[in-house]
């Protein structure tokens, strides 16, 4: 039997929150029952974030200012950029594995939902 590949981001300072604890528990149980293997992929590059977001938004994620832009997807905190890069890295890795192997899973993706104009793609 082929094991399901489950990709999980590094939740950093948010790992103790119940929603992220549930993602970790699902992964641990899937491994314990022999259903899956967990992967902790590398965070994506900042350049990859710039494919989908404006430079101003990416800088706001890193620095926390300006606040309305930095917190457009939720409350800004130190380490948000690392958290976002980890989620995108895990998302990309799970997509690549699914395309290659036919199936894969992502535990805990989609945690940020910036509103427009932050989410608008860069022209080009």
N, C-alpha and C. Protein backbone atom coordinates (compact mmCIF):
# COMPACT_ATOMS: atom_id res chain seq x y z
N UNK A 1 0.84 -1.19 0.00
CA UNK A 1 0.00 0.00 0.00
C UNK A 1 0.88 1.24 0.00
N UNK A 2 0.55 2.18 -0.86
CA UNK A 2 1.27 3.45 -0.92
C UNK A 2 0.75 4.38 0.16
N UNK A 3 1.66 4.98 0.89
CA UNK A 3 1.26 5.89 1.95
C UNK A 3 0.91 7.26 1.38
N UNK A 4 -0.10 7.88 1.94
CA UNK A 4 -0.48 9.23 1.58
C UNK A 4 0.60 10.18 2.07
N UNK A 5 1.00 11.10 1.23
CA UNK A 5 1.97 12.13 1.63
C UNK A 5 1.19 13.33 2.15
N UNK A 6 1.41 13.64 3.41
CA UNK A 6 0.78 14.80 4.03
C UNK A 6 1.84 15.86 4.30
N UNK A 7 1.55 17.05 3.85
CA UNK A 7 2.48 18.16 4.02
C UNK A 7 1.94 19.10 5.09
N UNK A 8 2.82 19.52 5.98
CA UNK A 8 2.39 20.36 7.09
C UNK A 8 3.36 21.53 7.24
N UNK A 9 2.82 22.74 7.30
CA UNK A 9 3.68 23.91 7.48
C UNK A 9 4.19 23.99 8.92
N UNK A 10 5.17 24.84 9.10
CA UNK A 10 5.66 25.17 10.44
C UNK A 10 4.75 26.28 10.97
N UNK A 11 3.97 25.97 11.97
CA UNK A 11 3.02 26.95 12.50
C UNK A 11 3.67 27.96 13.43
N UNK A 12 4.93 27.77 13.75
CA UNK A 12 5.66 28.74 14.55
C UNK A 12 4.95 29.06 15.85
N UNK A 13 4.83 30.36 16.17
CA UNK A 13 4.24 30.75 17.45
C UNK A 13 2.75 30.44 17.55
N UNK A 14 2.13 30.04 16.46
CA UNK A 14 0.70 29.71 16.49
C UNK A 14 0.43 28.24 16.78
N UNK A 15 1.48 27.43 16.87
CA UNK A 15 1.33 25.98 16.98
C UNK A 15 0.52 25.55 18.22
N UNK A 16 0.51 26.36 19.25
CA UNK A 16 -0.23 25.99 20.46
C UNK A 16 -1.73 26.28 20.36
N UNK A 17 -2.16 27.01 19.34
CA UNK A 17 -3.58 27.32 19.20
C UNK A 17 -4.35 26.06 18.80
N UNK A 18 -5.57 25.92 19.32
CA UNK A 18 -6.34 24.69 19.06
C UNK A 18 -6.50 24.33 17.59
N UNK A 19 -6.71 25.31 16.72
CA UNK A 19 -6.90 24.98 15.31
C UNK A 19 -5.66 24.31 14.73
N UNK A 20 -4.48 24.78 15.10
CA UNK A 20 -3.24 24.18 14.58
C UNK A 20 -2.91 22.88 15.29
N UNK A 21 -3.30 22.77 16.56
CA UNK A 21 -3.13 21.51 17.28
C UNK A 21 -3.93 20.41 16.60
N UNK A 22 -5.11 20.74 16.10
CA UNK A 22 -5.93 19.74 15.39
C UNK A 22 -5.22 19.26 14.12
N UNK A 23 -4.61 20.17 13.39
CA UNK A 23 -3.88 19.76 12.17
C UNK A 23 -2.74 18.81 12.53
N UNK A 24 -2.01 19.15 13.58
CA UNK A 24 -0.90 18.29 14.01
C UNK A 24 -1.40 16.93 14.47
N UNK A 25 -2.50 16.90 15.20
CA UNK A 25 -3.08 15.64 15.69
C UNK A 25 -3.53 14.76 14.53
N UNK A 26 -4.17 15.34 13.53
CA UNK A 26 -4.59 14.56 12.35
C UNK A 26 -3.37 13.93 11.69
N UNK A 27 -2.32 14.70 11.53
CA UNK A 27 -1.10 14.16 10.93
C UNK A 27 -0.49 13.04 11.75
N UNK A 28 -0.40 13.24 13.06
CA UNK A 28 0.16 12.22 13.94
C UNK A 28 -0.67 10.92 13.89
N UNK A 29 -1.97 11.06 13.89
CA UNK A 29 -2.84 9.86 13.84
C UNK A 29 -2.75 9.15 12.50
N UNK A 30 -2.65 9.91 11.42
CA UNK A 30 -2.52 9.29 10.10
C UNK A 30 -1.22 8.50 10.01
N UNK A 31 -0.16 9.03 10.59
CA UNK A 31 1.12 8.31 10.61
C UNK A 31 1.01 7.07 11.51
N UNK A 32 0.43 7.24 12.71
CA UNK A 32 0.32 6.14 13.66
C UNK A 32 -0.49 4.96 13.12
N UNK A 33 -1.48 5.24 12.29
CA UNK A 33 -2.31 4.17 11.73
C UNK A 33 -1.72 3.57 10.45
N UNK A 34 -0.58 4.12 10.03
CA UNK A 34 0.06 3.60 8.82
C UNK A 34 -0.54 4.11 7.53
N UNK A 35 -1.34 5.17 7.60
CA UNK A 35 -1.99 5.72 6.41
C UNK A 35 -1.11 6.71 5.65
N UNK A 36 -0.21 7.39 6.37
CA UNK A 36 0.46 8.52 5.75
C UNK A 36 1.88 8.70 6.26
N UNK A 37 2.59 9.50 5.52
CA UNK A 37 3.91 9.99 5.91
C UNK A 37 3.81 11.50 5.96
N UNK A 38 4.37 12.11 7.01
CA UNK A 38 4.36 13.57 7.14
C UNK A 38 5.62 14.16 6.55
N UNK A 39 5.45 15.28 5.86
CA UNK A 39 6.57 16.02 5.31
C UNK A 39 6.49 17.46 5.79
N UNK A 40 7.63 18.00 6.14
CA UNK A 40 7.74 19.39 6.57
C UNK A 40 8.61 20.10 5.53
N UNK A 41 7.99 20.59 4.45
CA UNK A 41 8.77 21.17 3.36
C UNK A 41 9.38 22.51 3.74
N UNK A 42 10.32 22.92 2.93
CA UNK A 42 10.96 24.22 3.12
C UNK A 42 9.96 25.34 2.85
N UNK A 43 10.12 26.46 3.54
CA UNK A 43 9.28 27.63 3.21
C UNK A 43 9.56 28.08 1.78
N UNK A 44 8.58 28.68 1.18
CA UNK A 44 8.77 29.21 -0.17
C UNK A 44 9.67 30.44 -0.11
N UNK A 45 10.13 30.84 -1.25
CA UNK A 45 10.95 32.05 -1.35
C UNK A 45 10.05 33.28 -1.34
N UNK A 46 10.57 34.38 -0.87
CA UNK A 46 9.83 35.64 -0.89
C UNK A 46 9.45 35.98 -2.33
N UNK A 47 10.32 35.65 -3.27
CA UNK A 47 10.06 35.93 -4.68
C UNK A 47 8.78 35.23 -5.14
N UNK A 48 8.49 34.05 -4.58
CA UNK A 48 7.27 33.34 -4.95
C UNK A 48 6.03 34.08 -4.46
N UNK A 49 6.12 34.70 -3.28
CA UNK A 49 4.99 35.49 -2.78
C UNK A 49 4.71 36.67 -3.70
N UNK A 50 5.76 37.20 -4.30
CA UNK A 50 5.61 38.35 -5.19
C UNK A 50 4.93 37.98 -6.51
N UNK A 51 4.79 36.70 -6.79
CA UNK A 51 4.04 36.28 -7.97
C UNK A 51 2.55 36.55 -7.80
N UNK A 52 2.10 36.60 -6.55
CA UNK A 52 0.68 36.73 -6.26
C UNK A 52 0.29 37.98 -5.50
N UNK A 53 1.28 38.63 -4.88
CA UNK A 53 0.99 39.80 -4.05
C UNK A 53 1.90 40.96 -4.42
N UNK A 54 1.43 42.15 -4.11
CA UNK A 54 2.22 43.35 -4.40
C UNK A 54 3.44 43.41 -3.48
N UNK A 55 4.50 44.08 -3.93
CA UNK A 55 5.67 44.27 -3.07
C UNK A 55 5.32 44.98 -1.76
N UNK A 56 4.36 45.89 -1.81
CA UNK A 56 3.95 46.61 -0.60
C UNK A 56 3.33 45.66 0.43
N UNK A 57 2.51 44.73 -0.05
CA UNK A 57 1.88 43.78 0.85
C UNK A 57 2.91 42.83 1.45
N UNK A 58 3.82 42.32 0.63
CA UNK A 58 4.84 41.40 1.11
C UNK A 58 5.73 42.10 2.15
N UNK A 59 6.08 43.34 1.91
CA UNK A 59 6.87 44.11 2.87
C UNK A 59 6.09 44.33 4.16
N UNK A 60 4.80 44.60 4.05
CA UNK A 60 3.97 44.79 5.24
C UNK A 60 3.90 43.50 6.06
N UNK A 61 3.84 42.34 5.40
CA UNK A 61 3.86 41.07 6.13
C UNK A 61 5.15 40.92 6.92
N UNK A 62 6.26 41.34 6.31
CA UNK A 62 7.55 41.19 6.96
C UNK A 62 7.74 42.18 8.11
N UNK A 63 7.29 43.43 7.92
CA UNK A 63 7.60 44.50 8.87
C UNK A 63 6.47 44.86 9.82
N UNK A 64 5.24 44.54 9.45
CA UNK A 64 4.10 44.88 10.30
C UNK A 64 3.55 46.27 10.07
N UNK A 65 4.08 46.98 9.11
CA UNK A 65 3.59 48.34 8.79
C UNK A 65 3.49 48.47 7.28
N UNK A 66 2.53 49.21 6.77
CA UNK A 66 1.47 49.86 7.53
C UNK A 66 0.48 48.83 8.08
N UNK A 67 -0.02 49.10 9.27
CA UNK A 67 -0.85 48.14 9.97
C UNK A 67 -2.09 47.70 9.19
N UNK A 68 -2.83 48.60 8.56
CA UNK A 68 -4.03 48.11 7.85
C UNK A 68 -3.69 47.07 6.78
N UNK A 69 -2.55 47.24 6.12
CA UNK A 69 -2.15 46.28 5.09
C UNK A 69 -1.54 45.03 5.73
N UNK A 70 -0.70 45.20 6.74
CA UNK A 70 -0.04 44.07 7.39
C UNK A 70 -1.04 43.13 8.06
N UNK A 71 -2.14 43.68 8.55
CA UNK A 71 -3.11 42.85 9.26
C UNK A 71 -4.37 42.60 8.43
N UNK A 72 -4.28 42.75 7.11
CA UNK A 72 -5.47 42.58 6.28
C UNK A 72 -5.95 41.14 6.24
N UNK A 73 -5.08 40.18 6.55
CA UNK A 73 -5.49 38.78 6.59
C UNK A 73 -5.69 38.27 8.01
N UNK A 74 -5.56 39.14 8.99
CA UNK A 74 -5.65 38.77 10.40
C UNK A 74 -4.71 39.64 11.20
N UNK A 75 -4.52 39.34 12.44
CA UNK A 75 -3.65 40.13 13.29
C UNK A 75 -2.19 39.88 12.93
N UNK A 76 -1.42 40.96 12.72
CA UNK A 76 0.00 40.83 12.43
C UNK A 76 0.74 40.44 13.70
N UNK A 77 1.79 39.63 13.57
CA UNK A 77 2.65 39.27 14.70
C UNK A 77 4.06 39.05 14.17
N UNK A 78 5.07 39.25 15.01
CA UNK A 78 6.44 38.95 14.57
C UNK A 78 6.51 37.48 14.14
N UNK A 79 7.06 37.23 13.00
CA UNK A 79 7.12 35.87 12.48
C UNK A 79 6.03 35.54 11.48
N UNK A 80 5.15 36.51 11.21
CA UNK A 80 4.07 36.25 10.25
C UNK A 80 4.62 35.92 8.87
N UNK A 81 5.69 36.59 8.46
CA UNK A 81 6.27 36.31 7.14
C UNK A 81 6.77 34.86 7.08
N UNK A 82 7.43 34.39 8.13
CA UNK A 82 7.90 33.00 8.14
C UNK A 82 6.73 32.03 8.09
N UNK A 83 5.67 32.34 8.82
CA UNK A 83 4.45 31.53 8.84
C UNK A 83 3.85 31.47 7.43
N UNK A 84 3.70 32.62 6.80
CA UNK A 84 3.13 32.68 5.45
C UNK A 84 3.99 31.91 4.45
N UNK A 85 5.31 32.09 4.52
CA UNK A 85 6.21 31.39 3.60
C UNK A 85 6.13 29.87 3.81
N UNK A 86 5.95 29.45 5.07
CA UNK A 86 5.85 28.03 5.35
C UNK A 86 4.56 27.44 4.78
N UNK A 87 3.46 28.16 4.93
CA UNK A 87 2.18 27.69 4.39
C UNK A 87 2.24 27.58 2.87
N UNK A 88 2.80 28.58 2.23
CA UNK A 88 2.89 28.55 0.76
C UNK A 88 3.85 27.43 0.33
N UNK A 89 4.95 27.26 1.04
CA UNK A 89 5.88 26.17 0.70
C UNK A 89 5.22 24.80 0.81
N UNK A 90 4.45 24.60 1.88
CA UNK A 90 3.74 23.33 2.05
C UNK A 90 2.66 23.16 0.98
N UNK A 91 2.00 24.26 0.63
CA UNK A 91 0.98 24.20 -0.42
C UNK A 91 1.60 23.80 -1.75
N UNK A 92 2.71 24.47 -2.12
CA UNK A 92 3.39 24.13 -3.37
C UNK A 92 3.84 22.67 -3.37
N UNK A 93 4.42 22.21 -2.26
CA UNK A 93 4.92 20.84 -2.19
C UNK A 93 3.80 19.83 -2.33
N UNK A 94 2.64 20.12 -1.71
CA UNK A 94 1.52 19.18 -1.82
C UNK A 94 0.95 19.15 -3.24
N UNK A 95 0.92 20.29 -3.89
CA UNK A 95 0.45 20.34 -5.28
C UNK A 95 1.39 19.55 -6.18
N UNK A 96 2.69 19.73 -6.00
CA UNK A 96 3.66 19.00 -6.81
C UNK A 96 3.54 17.49 -6.58
N UNK A 97 3.37 17.08 -5.31
CA UNK A 97 3.23 15.65 -5.01
C UNK A 97 1.95 15.08 -5.60
N UNK A 98 0.86 15.84 -5.53
CA UNK A 98 -0.41 15.37 -6.10
C UNK A 98 -0.30 15.23 -7.61
N UNK A 99 0.36 16.19 -8.25
CA UNK A 99 0.52 16.12 -9.71
C UNK A 99 1.39 14.91 -10.10
N UNK A 100 2.39 14.64 -9.29
CA UNK A 100 3.31 13.54 -9.57
C UNK A 100 2.72 12.18 -9.19
N UNK A 101 2.09 12.11 -8.00
CA UNK A 101 1.67 10.82 -7.44
C UNK A 101 0.17 10.56 -7.54
N UNK A 102 -0.59 11.57 -7.92
CA UNK A 102 -2.03 11.39 -8.04
C UNK A 102 -2.83 11.84 -6.83
N UNK A 103 -2.19 11.91 -5.67
CA UNK A 103 -2.88 12.34 -4.45
C UNK A 103 -1.84 12.80 -3.43
N UNK A 104 -2.22 13.77 -2.62
CA UNK A 104 -1.40 14.27 -1.51
C UNK A 104 -2.32 15.11 -0.64
N UNK A 105 -1.87 15.44 0.54
CA UNK A 105 -2.68 16.24 1.44
C UNK A 105 -1.90 17.40 2.02
N UNK A 106 -2.63 18.42 2.41
CA UNK A 106 -2.07 19.59 3.05
C UNK A 106 -2.80 19.81 4.36
N UNK A 107 -2.08 19.81 5.45
CA UNK A 107 -2.67 20.04 6.77
C UNK A 107 -2.38 21.47 7.20
N UNK A 108 -3.42 22.28 7.22
CA UNK A 108 -3.26 23.63 7.75
C UNK A 108 -2.95 24.71 6.75
N UNK A 109 -3.23 24.52 5.50
CA UNK A 109 -3.01 25.57 4.52
C UNK A 109 -4.16 26.54 4.48
N UNK A 110 -3.95 27.63 3.77
CA UNK A 110 -5.01 28.61 3.58
C UNK A 110 -5.32 29.43 4.81
N UNK A 111 -4.33 29.62 5.66
CA UNK A 111 -4.58 30.32 6.92
C UNK A 111 -4.65 31.84 6.78
N UNK A 112 -4.18 32.37 5.69
CA UNK A 112 -4.26 33.81 5.51
C UNK A 112 -5.20 34.13 4.37
N UNK A 113 -6.02 35.13 4.55
CA UNK A 113 -6.99 35.52 3.53
C UNK A 113 -7.01 37.03 3.40
N UNK A 114 -5.95 37.62 2.82
CA UNK A 114 -5.92 39.07 2.69
C UNK A 114 -7.04 39.56 1.80
N UNK A 115 -7.53 40.73 2.11
CA UNK A 115 -8.59 41.32 1.30
C UNK A 115 -7.98 42.19 0.21
N UNK A 116 -8.75 42.48 -0.80
CA UNK A 116 -8.25 43.37 -1.85
C UNK A 116 -7.99 44.74 -1.27
N UNK A 117 -7.00 45.50 -1.69
CA UNK A 117 -6.15 45.26 -2.85
C UNK A 117 -4.93 44.39 -2.55
N UNK A 118 -4.72 43.95 -1.30
CA UNK A 118 -3.53 43.18 -0.97
C UNK A 118 -3.46 41.89 -1.77
N UNK A 119 -4.59 41.30 -2.07
CA UNK A 119 -4.60 40.01 -2.75
C UNK A 119 -4.50 40.13 -4.26
N UNK A 120 -4.57 41.33 -4.78
CA UNK A 120 -4.52 41.48 -6.23
C UNK A 120 -3.15 41.15 -6.74
N UNK A 121 -3.09 40.39 -7.85
CA UNK A 121 -1.79 40.05 -8.43
C UNK A 121 -1.06 41.30 -8.91
N UNK A 122 0.24 41.19 -8.96
CA UNK A 122 1.03 42.29 -9.50
C UNK A 122 0.85 42.33 -11.01
N UNK A 123 0.82 43.51 -11.58
CA UNK A 123 0.74 43.56 -13.05
C UNK A 123 2.02 43.02 -13.65
N UNK A 124 1.88 42.43 -14.79
CA UNK A 124 3.12 42.03 -15.42
C UNK A 124 3.06 40.72 -16.03
